[in-house]
Amino acid sequence: MGRGMFNMEMIGIKPGSTLVFAKGDNITCKAIDKHQIEFEGKIMNLTKSALIVIGRLGYTWGKIAGPQFWMYEDETLYQRKRRMETEE
């Protein structure tokens, strides 16, 4: 995955789409635009929200790749991006 912010628009995730956290079906967020999500009423990016959730689950990670933990249509955003790139 290239540097820079992950672009959800490029993988077909539209504003208003619901994303599910990979380690808990009851943890969700909503896409706001191509870079930002709304998580628990706050606007942030995928990585910051994933770090919050993973911390609550007891992990003490300092870094995380948000697109590898948020899912859309039963695949992580990272998996979706890789699949779409290979389908081109």
Protein backbone atom coordinates (compact mmCIF):
# COMPACT_ATOMS: atom_id res chain seq x y z
CA MET A 1 0.00 0.00 0.00
CA GLY A 2 1.39 3.36 -0.97
CA ARG A 3 2.11 6.21 1.38
CA GLY A 4 -0.48 8.83 2.20
CA MET A 5 -4.00 8.54 3.45
CA PHE A 6 -6.06 5.56 2.43
CA ASN A 7 -8.66 6.58 -0.14
CA MET A 8 -11.98 4.80 0.48
CA GLU A 9 -13.57 6.38 -2.60
CA MET A 10 -11.14 4.51 -4.84
CA ILE A 11 -12.43 1.17 -3.54
CA GLY A 12 -16.11 2.01 -3.90
CA ILE A 13 -16.93 3.07 -0.36
CA LYS A 14 -19.35 5.97 -0.50
CA PRO A 15 -20.14 8.51 2.24
CA GLY A 16 -22.67 6.98 4.61
CA SER A 17 -21.37 3.42 4.17
CA THR A 18 -21.05 1.44 7.40
CA LEU A 19 -17.73 -0.23 8.18
CA VAL A 20 -17.37 -3.04 10.72
CA PHE A 21 -14.31 -3.62 12.91
CA ALA A 22 -12.66 -6.94 12.06
CA LYS A 23 -12.38 -8.03 15.70
CA GLY A 24 -15.96 -7.29 16.71
CA ASP A 25 -19.17 -7.21 14.67
CA ASN A 26 -20.82 -4.77 17.07
CA ILE A 27 -18.12 -2.12 16.50
CA THR A 28 -18.95 0.08 13.54
CA CYS A 29 -18.16 3.43 11.99
CA LYS A 30 -19.54 5.42 9.09
CA ALA A 31 -17.63 6.73 6.07
CA ILE A 32 -17.83 10.54 5.82
CA ASP A 33 -15.63 11.13 2.77
CA LYS A 34 -12.71 9.44 1.06
CA HIS A 35 -10.41 9.82 4.08
CA GLN A 36 -12.56 10.38 7.18
CA ILE A 37 -15.01 8.30 9.18
CA GLU A 38 -17.39 9.05 12.03
CA PHE A 39 -16.67 6.89 15.06
CA GLU A 40 -18.69 7.36 18.26
CA GLY A 41 -19.82 10.79 17.11
CA LYS A 42 -16.33 12.06 16.29
CA ILE A 43 -14.77 12.61 12.86
CA MET A 44 -11.36 10.91 12.51
CA ASN A 45 -9.40 8.65 10.19
CA LEU A 46 -9.38 4.85 9.98
CA THR A 47 -6.10 4.45 11.81
CA LYS A 48 -6.94 6.63 14.81
CA SER A 49 -10.28 4.86 15.31
CA ALA A 50 -8.68 1.39 14.94
CA LEU A 51 -6.07 2.32 17.57
CA ILE A 52 -8.86 3.36 19.98
CA VAL A 53 -10.74 0.09 19.49
CA ILE A 54 -7.67 -2.14 19.70
CA GLY A 55 -6.68 -0.37 22.93
CA ARG A 56 -10.08 -1.15 24.43
CA LEU A 57 -9.59 -4.78 23.51
CA GLY A 58 -6.51 -4.83 25.71
CA TYR A 59 -3.75 -4.44 23.13
CA THR A 60 -1.04 -1.87 23.81
CA TRP A 61 0.02 -1.28 20.22
CA GLY A 62 1.51 2.11 19.39
CA LYS A 63 0.77 1.79 15.68
CA ILE A 64 -1.88 0.16 13.55
CA ALA A 65 -2.91 0.09 9.89
CA GLY A 66 -6.57 1.07 10.04
CA PRO A 67 -7.49 -0.31 6.59
CA GLN A 68 -6.42 -3.77 7.76
CA PHE A 69 -8.93 -3.71 10.63
CA TRP A 70 -12.02 -2.01 9.20
CA MET A 71 -14.20 -4.16 6.94
CA TYR A 72 -16.75 -3.51 4.23
CA GLU A 73 -18.82 -6.28 2.64
CA ASP A 74 -16.94 -9.01 4.56
CA GLU A 75 -13.40 -8.03 3.55
CA THR A 76 -10.95 -5.61 5.11
CA LEU A 77 -10.44 -2.37 3.24
CA TYR A 78 -6.86 -3.44 2.57
CA GLN A 79 -8.03 -6.79 1.09
CA ARG A 80 -10.64 -4.96 -0.99
CA LYS A 81 -8.02 -2.56 -2.37
CA ARG A 82 -5.65 -5.41 -3.26
CA ARG A 83 -8.44 -7.41 -4.92
CA MET A 84 -9.56 -4.41 -6.98
CA GLU A 85 -5.99 -3.68 -8.06
CA THR A 86 -5.53 -7.26 -9.31
CA GLU A 87 -8.89 -7.19 -11.13
CA GLU A 88 -7.94 -4.12 -13.20
